[in-house]
Amino acid sequence: MFRLGIFKQLTSYSDNTIDWTRTGELLLSYKHKYSSREILIRGSIICTTAAFSFLGYSLNDPDETHCSNITLGLMSGFLGFVISHGIAIIPIVKKRENMRAECEILKEKIIEKSQELSLPQNNINALLKIISEITLEDDHRANASQTWGHRKKLLNNLYECLQENNFLFLNPEDFNLMLEYLEIHTLRKRMP
């Protein structure tokens, strides 16, 4: 568990943009739930790394580079890994960045609407801070995408409540009660 803590910390440092626990899960537990597409992507990363290593090793001129074939092969392989992995994670990082931007827009709308309704801004700001710090990590995973989705859902619910002039749930003494209300608000919308 201690080793997974490092990966959770890395995920936290990236503000839940990159989920390092997926890497930790694969490296440390030998268990994974990857689809064929994900396995294909990982296979491509491995092949690219191997190709870069081979080219670095084969095309090296030790007199010119002042590096042994093995050293240049390792450096080239590392470069191949970084490039191919960077390309592979671009879509998920963009998705999380988009969710972060959507959350920021919702926060601005919430502040604007709460000012329009003359609600106490310290309560709204405190609630927004709590929502922004929510994380859905568990013992094994940081769950970065789920965290951003959950934050967005709560912010949407808060904005909808303010739009409906439903703000009686804003209780500065019990922020957990307010969060529960926002969770339940989603269920009410789905009921006929």
C-alpha atoms as a PDB file:
ATOM      1  CA  MET A   1       0.000   0.000   0.000  1.00  0.00           C
ATOM      2  CA  PHE A   2       2.885   2.366   0.770  1.00  0.00           C
ATOM      3  CA  ARG A   3       4.162   2.156  -2.784  1.00  0.00           C
ATOM      4  CA  LEU A   4       0.736   3.068  -4.191  1.00  0.00           C
ATOM      5  CA  GLY A   5       0.830   6.151  -1.961  1.00  0.00           C
ATOM      6  CA  ILE A   6       3.623   7.548  -4.119  1.00  0.00           C
ATOM      7  CA  PHE A   7       1.443   7.192  -7.214  1.00  0.00           C
ATOM      8  CA  LYS A   8      -1.515   8.834  -5.431  1.00  0.00           C
ATOM      9  CA  GLN A   9       0.750  11.724  -4.438  1.00  0.00           C
ATOM     10  CA  LEU A  10       1.908  12.129  -8.050  1.00  0.00           C
ATOM     11  CA  THR A  11      -1.755  12.184  -9.139  1.00  0.00           C
ATOM     12  CA  SER A  12      -2.464  14.838  -6.528  1.00  0.00           C
ATOM     13  CA  TYR A  13       0.514  16.930  -7.698  1.00  0.00           C
ATOM     14  CA  SER A  14      -0.896  16.860 -11.242  1.00  0.00           C
ATOM     15  CA  ASP A  15      -4.248  18.120  -9.856  1.00  0.00           C
ATOM     16  CA  ASN A  16      -5.913  14.866 -10.922  1.00  0.00           C
ATOM     17  CA  THR A  17      -4.962  15.449 -14.549  1.00  0.00           C
ATOM     18  CA  ILE A  18      -2.745  12.371 -14.826  1.00  0.00           C
ATOM     19  CA  ASP A  19      -3.802   9.244 -12.930  1.00  0.00           C
ATOM     20  CA  TRP A  20      -0.483   7.737 -11.866  1.00  0.00           C
ATOM     21  CA  THR A  21      -2.216   5.011  -9.836  1.00  0.00           C
ATOM     22  CA  ARG A  22      -3.070   3.197 -13.082  1.00  0.00           C
ATOM     23  CA  THR A  23       0.644   2.841 -13.671  1.00  0.00           C
ATOM     24  CA  GLY A  24       1.185   1.797 -10.069  1.00  0.00           C
ATOM     25  CA  GLU A  25      -1.610  -0.760 -10.274  1.00  0.00           C
ATOM     26  CA  LEU A  26      -0.100  -2.318 -13.372  1.00  0.00           C
ATOM     27  CA  LEU A  27       3.473  -2.276 -12.062  1.00  0.00           C
ATOM     28  CA  LEU A  28       2.822  -3.422  -8.511  1.00  0.00           C
ATOM     29  CA  SER A  29      -0.174  -5.737  -8.543  1.00  0.00           C
ATOM     30  CA  TYR A  30      -0.034  -7.452 -11.934  1.00  0.00           C
ATOM     31  CA  LYS A  31      -3.808  -6.989 -12.107  1.00  0.00           C
ATOM     32  CA  HIS A  32      -5.391  -4.840 -14.737  1.00  0.00           C
ATOM     33  CA  LYS A  33      -8.699  -4.193 -16.436  1.00  0.00           C
ATOM     34  CA  TYR A  34      -7.467  -2.968 -19.799  1.00  0.00           C
ATOM     35  CA  SER A  35      -9.490  -3.223 -23.003  1.00  0.00           C
ATOM     36  CA  SER A  36      -8.016  -4.512 -26.263  1.00  0.00           C
ATOM     37  CA  ARG A  37      -7.567  -0.903 -27.404  1.00  0.00           C
ATOM     38  CA  GLU A  38      -5.632  -0.024 -24.254  1.00  0.00           C
ATOM     39  CA  ILE A  39      -3.439  -3.105 -24.620  1.00  0.00           C
ATOM     40  CA  LEU A  40      -2.798  -2.149 -28.260  1.00  0.00           C
ATOM     41  CA  ILE A  41      -1.748   1.345 -27.190  1.00  0.00           C
ATOM     42  CA  ARG A  42       0.588  -0.067 -24.564  1.00  0.00           C
ATOM     43  CA  GLY A  43       2.004  -2.485 -27.105  1.00  0.00           C
ATOM     44  CA  SER A  44       2.661   0.445 -29.435  1.00  0.00           C
ATOM     45  CA  ILE A  45       4.489   2.242 -26.650  1.00  0.00           C
ATOM     46  CA  ILE A  46       6.664  -0.816 -26.061  1.00  0.00           C
ATOM     47  CA  CYS A  47       7.371  -1.220 -29.792  1.00  0.00           C
ATOM     48  CA  THR A  48       8.260   2.462 -30.159  1.00  0.00           C
ATOM     49  CA  THR A  49      10.575   2.266 -27.165  1.00  0.00           C
ATOM     50  CA  ALA A  50      12.266  -0.834 -28.599  1.00  0.00           C
ATOM     51  CA  ALA A  51      12.615   0.758 -32.064  1.00  0.00           C
ATOM     52  CA  PHE A  52      14.182   3.921 -30.640  1.00  0.00           C
ATOM     53  CA  SER A  53      16.556   1.806 -28.523  1.00  0.00           C
ATOM     54  CA  PHE A  54      17.569  -0.292 -31.509  1.00  0.00           C
ATOM     55  CA  LEU A  55      18.143   2.768 -33.694  1.00  0.00           C
ATOM     56  CA  GLY A  56      20.151   4.523 -30.983  1.00  0.00           C
ATOM     57  CA  TYR A  57      22.266   1.427 -30.456  1.00  0.00           C
ATOM     58  CA  SER A  58      22.726   0.663 -34.166  1.00  0.00           C
ATOM     59  CA  LEU A  59      23.350   4.146 -35.507  1.00  0.00           C
ATOM     60  CA  ASN A  60      25.646   5.322 -32.731  1.00  0.00           C
ATOM     61  CA  ASP A  61      29.153   6.450 -33.558  1.00  0.00           C
ATOM     62  CA  PRO A  62      30.940   6.358 -30.156  1.00  0.00           C
ATOM     63  CA  ASP A  63      33.753   8.631 -31.392  1.00  0.00           C
ATOM     64  CA  GLU A  64      31.275  11.316 -32.420  1.00  0.00           C
ATOM     65  CA  THR A  65      28.764  11.056 -29.560  1.00  0.00           C
ATOM     66  CA  HIS A  66      31.213  10.129 -26.764  1.00  0.00           C
ATOM     67  CA  CYS A  67      28.640   7.552 -25.601  1.00  0.00           C
ATOM     68  CA  SER A  68      28.768   3.781 -25.738  1.00  0.00           C
ATOM     69  CA  ASN A  69      26.237   1.965 -27.911  1.00  0.00           C
ATOM     70  CA  ILE A  70      24.396   0.733 -24.822  1.00  0.00           C
ATOM     71  CA  THR A  71      24.228   4.209 -23.280  1.00  0.00           C
ATOM     72  CA  LEU A  72      22.871   5.788 -26.451  1.00  0.00           C
ATOM     73  CA  GLY A  73      20.476   2.860 -26.921  1.00  0.00           C
ATOM     74  CA  LEU A  74      19.106   3.378 -23.410  1.00  0.00           C
ATOM     75  CA  MET A  75      18.815   7.131 -23.854  1.00  0.00           C
ATOM     76  CA  SER A  76      17.087   6.698 -27.218  1.00  0.00           C
ATOM     77  CA  GLY A  77      14.715   4.111 -25.767  1.00  0.00           C
ATOM     78  CA  PHE A  78      13.819   6.456 -22.938  1.00  0.00           C
ATOM     79  CA  LEU A  79      13.171   9.244 -25.442  1.00  0.00           C
ATOM     80  CA  GLY A  80      10.992   6.888 -27.518  1.00  0.00           C
ATOM     81  CA  PHE A  81       9.027   5.927 -24.422  1.00  0.00           C
ATOM     82  CA  VAL A  82       8.451   9.543 -23.369  1.00  0.00           C
ATOM     83  CA  ILE A  83       7.326  10.582 -26.863  1.00  0.00           C
ATOM     84  CA  SER A  84       5.028   7.601 -27.458  1.00  0.00           C
ATOM     85  CA  HIS A  85       3.526   7.691 -23.973  1.00  0.00           C
ATOM     86  CA  GLY A  86       2.995  11.444 -24.233  1.00  0.00           C
ATOM     87  CA  ILE A  87       1.073  10.946 -27.464  1.00  0.00           C
ATOM     88  CA  ALA A  88      -0.956   8.101 -25.925  1.00  0.00           C
ATOM     89  CA  ILE A  89      -2.138  10.095 -22.888  1.00  0.00           C
ATOM     90  CA  ILE A  90      -2.964  13.342 -24.713  1.00  0.00           C
ATOM     91  CA  PRO A  91      -6.695  12.477 -25.136  1.00  0.00           C
ATOM     92  CA  ILE A  92      -7.287  11.662 -21.459  1.00  0.00           C
ATOM     93  CA  VAL A  93      -5.324  14.692 -20.266  1.00  0.00           C
ATOM     94  CA  LYS A  94      -7.332  16.923 -22.648  1.00  0.00           C
ATOM     95  CA  LYS A  95     -10.571  15.399 -21.358  1.00  0.00           C
ATOM     96  CA  ARG A  96      -9.588  16.167 -17.762  1.00  0.00           C
ATOM     97  CA  GLU A  97      -8.434  19.666 -18.677  1.00  0.00           C
ATOM     98  CA  ASN A  98     -11.789  20.277 -20.381  1.00  0.00           C
ATOM     99  CA  MET A  99     -13.644  19.091 -17.277  1.00  0.00           C
ATOM    100  CA  ARG A 100     -11.486  21.385 -15.138  1.00  0.00           C
ATOM    101  CA  ALA A 101     -12.305  24.335 -17.434  1.00  0.00           C
ATOM    102  CA  GLU A 102     -16.032  23.464 -17.314  1.00  0.00           C
ATOM    103  CA  CYS A 103     -15.850  23.379 -13.512  1.00  0.00           C
ATOM    104  CA  GLU A 104     -14.202  26.812 -13.450  1.00  0.00           C
ATOM    105  CA  ILE A 105     -16.942  28.214 -15.695  1.00  0.00           C
ATOM    106  CA  LEU A 106     -19.597  26.698 -13.423  1.00  0.00           C
ATOM    107  CA  LYS A 107     -17.916  28.240 -10.370  1.00  0.00           C
ATOM    108  CA  GLU A 108     -18.018  31.662 -12.024  1.00  0.00           C
ATOM    109  CA  LYS A 109     -21.698  31.194 -12.891  1.00  0.00           C
ATOM    110  CA  ILE A 110     -22.464  30.082  -9.326  1.00  0.00           C
ATOM    111  CA  ILE A 111     -20.719  33.114  -7.836  1.00  0.00           C
ATOM    112  CA  GLU A 112     -22.492  35.417 -10.277  1.00  0.00           C
ATOM    113  CA  LYS A 113     -25.912  33.865  -9.555  1.00  0.00           C
ATOM    114  CA  SER A 114     -25.355  33.862  -5.779  1.00  0.00           C
ATOM    115  CA  GLN A 115     -24.421  37.566  -5.904  1.00  0.00           C
ATOM    116  CA  GLU A 116     -27.559  38.213  -7.944  1.00  0.00           C
ATOM    117  CA  LEU A 117     -29.591  36.446  -5.213  1.00  0.00           C
ATOM    118  CA  SER A 118     -27.685  38.343  -2.459  1.00  0.00           C
ATOM    119  CA  LEU A 119     -26.553  35.118  -0.802  1.00  0.00           C
ATOM    120  CA  PRO A 120     -23.689  35.200   1.732  1.00  0.00           C
ATOM    121  CA  GLN A 121     -20.563  34.846  -0.392  1.00  0.00           C
ATOM    122  CA  ASN A 122     -18.504  33.290   2.390  1.00  0.00           C
ATOM    123  CA  ASN A 123     -20.894  30.293   2.454  1.00  0.00           C
ATOM    124  CA  ILE A 124     -20.801  29.931  -1.326  1.00  0.00           C
ATOM    125  CA  ASN A 125     -17.021  30.278  -1.452  1.00  0.00           C
ATOM    126  CA  ALA A 126     -16.581  27.734   1.343  1.00  0.00           C
ATOM    127  CA  LEU A 127     -18.877  25.264  -0.437  1.00  0.00           C
ATOM    128  CA  LEU A 128     -17.051  25.788  -3.751  1.00  0.00           C
ATOM    129  CA  LYS A 129     -13.744  25.178  -1.988  1.00  0.00           C
ATOM    130  CA  ILE A 130     -15.022  21.936  -0.472  1.00  0.00           C
ATOM    131  CA  ILE A 131     -16.343  20.728  -3.829  1.00  0.00           C
ATOM    132  CA  SER A 132     -13.037  21.638  -5.502  1.00  0.00           C
ATOM    133  CA  GLU A 133     -11.112  19.559  -2.984  1.00  0.00           C
ATOM    134  CA  ILE A 134     -13.297  16.440  -3.233  1.00  0.00           C
ATOM    135  CA  THR A 135     -11.405  13.396  -4.442  1.00  0.00           C
ATOM    136  CA  LEU A 136     -12.738   9.922  -5.165  1.00  0.00           C
ATOM    137  CA  GLU A 137      -9.478   8.118  -4.508  1.00  0.00           C
ATOM    138  CA  ASP A 138      -9.610   4.787  -2.758  1.00  0.00           C
ATOM    139  CA  ASP A 139      -6.963   2.428  -1.405  1.00  0.00           C
ATOM    140  CA  HIS A 140      -5.863   1.403  -4.890  1.00  0.00           C
ATOM    141  CA  ARG A 141      -6.594   4.212  -7.342  1.00  0.00           C
ATOM    142  CA  ALA A 142      -6.700   7.991  -7.490  1.00  0.00           C
ATOM    143  CA  ASN A 143      -9.680   7.875  -9.906  1.00  0.00           C
ATOM    144  CA  ALA A 144      -8.787  11.201 -11.518  1.00  0.00           C
ATOM    145  CA  SER A 145     -11.464  11.203 -14.240  1.00  0.00           C
ATOM    146  CA  GLN A 146     -14.185  10.149 -11.817  1.00  0.00           C
ATOM    147  CA  THR A 147     -13.090  12.907  -9.421  1.00  0.00           C
ATOM    148  CA  TRP A 148     -13.478  15.583 -12.097  1.00  0.00           C
ATOM    149  CA  GLY A 149     -16.836  14.128 -13.187  1.00  0.00           C
ATOM    150  CA  HIS A 150     -18.120  14.151  -9.618  1.00  0.00           C
ATOM    151  CA  ARG A 151     -16.965  17.719  -9.003  1.00  0.00           C
ATOM    152  CA  LYS A 152     -18.679  18.820 -12.219  1.00  0.00           C
ATOM    153  CA  LYS A 153     -21.914  17.050 -11.230  1.00  0.00           C
ATOM    154  CA  LEU A 154     -21.983  18.725  -7.809  1.00  0.00           C
ATOM    155  CA  LEU A 155     -21.276  22.139  -9.319  1.00  0.00           C
ATOM    156  CA  ASN A 156     -24.027  21.592 -11.916  1.00  0.00           C
ATOM    157  CA  ASN A 157     -26.449  20.640  -9.161  1.00  0.00           C
ATOM    158  CA  LEU A 158     -25.531  23.685  -7.101  1.00  0.00           C
ATOM    159  CA  TYR A 159     -26.010  25.961 -10.101  1.00  0.00           C
ATOM    160  CA  GLU A 160     -29.386  24.363 -10.908  1.00  0.00           C
ATOM    161  CA  CYS A 161     -30.525  24.814  -7.305  1.00  0.00           C
ATOM    162  CA  LEU A 162     -29.614  28.491  -7.471  1.00  0.00           C
ATOM    163  CA  GLN A 163     -31.378  28.812 -10.841  1.00  0.00           C
ATOM    164  CA  GLU A 164     -34.539  27.364  -9.227  1.00  0.00           C
ATOM    165  CA  ASN A 165     -34.141  29.776  -6.275  1.00  0.00           C
ATOM    166  CA  ASN A 166     -33.678  26.734  -4.100  1.00  0.00           C
ATOM    167  CA  PHE A 167     -30.977  27.786  -1.682  1.00  0.00           C
ATOM    168  CA  LEU A 168     -32.481  26.987   1.702  1.00  0.00           C
ATOM    169  CA  PHE A 169     -30.042  24.075   1.970  1.00  0.00           C
ATOM    170  CA  LEU A 170     -27.140  26.550   2.338  1.00  0.00           C
ATOM    171  CA  ASN A 171     -26.305  25.901   5.969  1.00  0.00           C
ATOM    172  CA  PRO A 172     -22.923  27.315   7.031  1.00  0.00           C
ATOM    173  CA  GLU A 173     -22.787  25.032  10.080  1.00  0.00           C
ATOM    174  CA  ASP A 174     -23.001  21.781   8.126  1.00  0.00           C
ATOM    175  CA  PHE A 175     -21.267  21.641   4.758  1.00  0.00           C
ATOM    176  CA  ASN A 176     -21.604  17.842   4.664  1.00  0.00           C
ATOM    177  CA  LEU A 177     -25.379  18.247   4.777  1.00  0.00           C
ATOM    178  CA  MET A 178     -25.181  20.645   1.837  1.00  0.00           C
ATOM    179  CA  LEU A 179     -23.131  18.140  -0.173  1.00  0.00           C
ATOM    180  CA  GLU A 180     -25.634  15.388   0.620  1.00  0.00           C
ATOM    181  CA  TYR A 181     -28.430  17.639  -0.611  1.00  0.00           C
ATOM    182  CA  LEU A 182     -26.588  18.243  -3.881  1.00  0.00           C
ATOM    183  CA  GLU A 183     -26.131  14.474  -4.310  1.00  0.00           C
ATOM    184  CA  ILE A 184     -29.839  13.851  -3.670  1.00  0.00           C
ATOM    185  CA  HIS A 185     -30.803  16.676  -6.042  1.00  0.00           C
ATOM    186  CA  THR A 186     -29.508  14.511  -8.908  1.00  0.00           C
ATOM    187  CA  LEU A 187     -31.767  11.626  -7.876  1.00  0.00           C
ATOM    188  CA  ARG A 188     -34.812  13.902  -7.660  1.00  0.00           C
ATOM    189  CA  LYS A 189     -34.257  15.146 -11.198  1.00  0.00           C
ATOM    190  CA  ARG A 190     -34.304  11.554 -12.486  1.00  0.00           C
ATOM    191  CA  MET A 191     -37.586  10.636 -10.761  1.00  0.00           C
ATOM    192  CA  PRO A 192     -40.791  11.001 -12.836  1.00  0.00           C
END
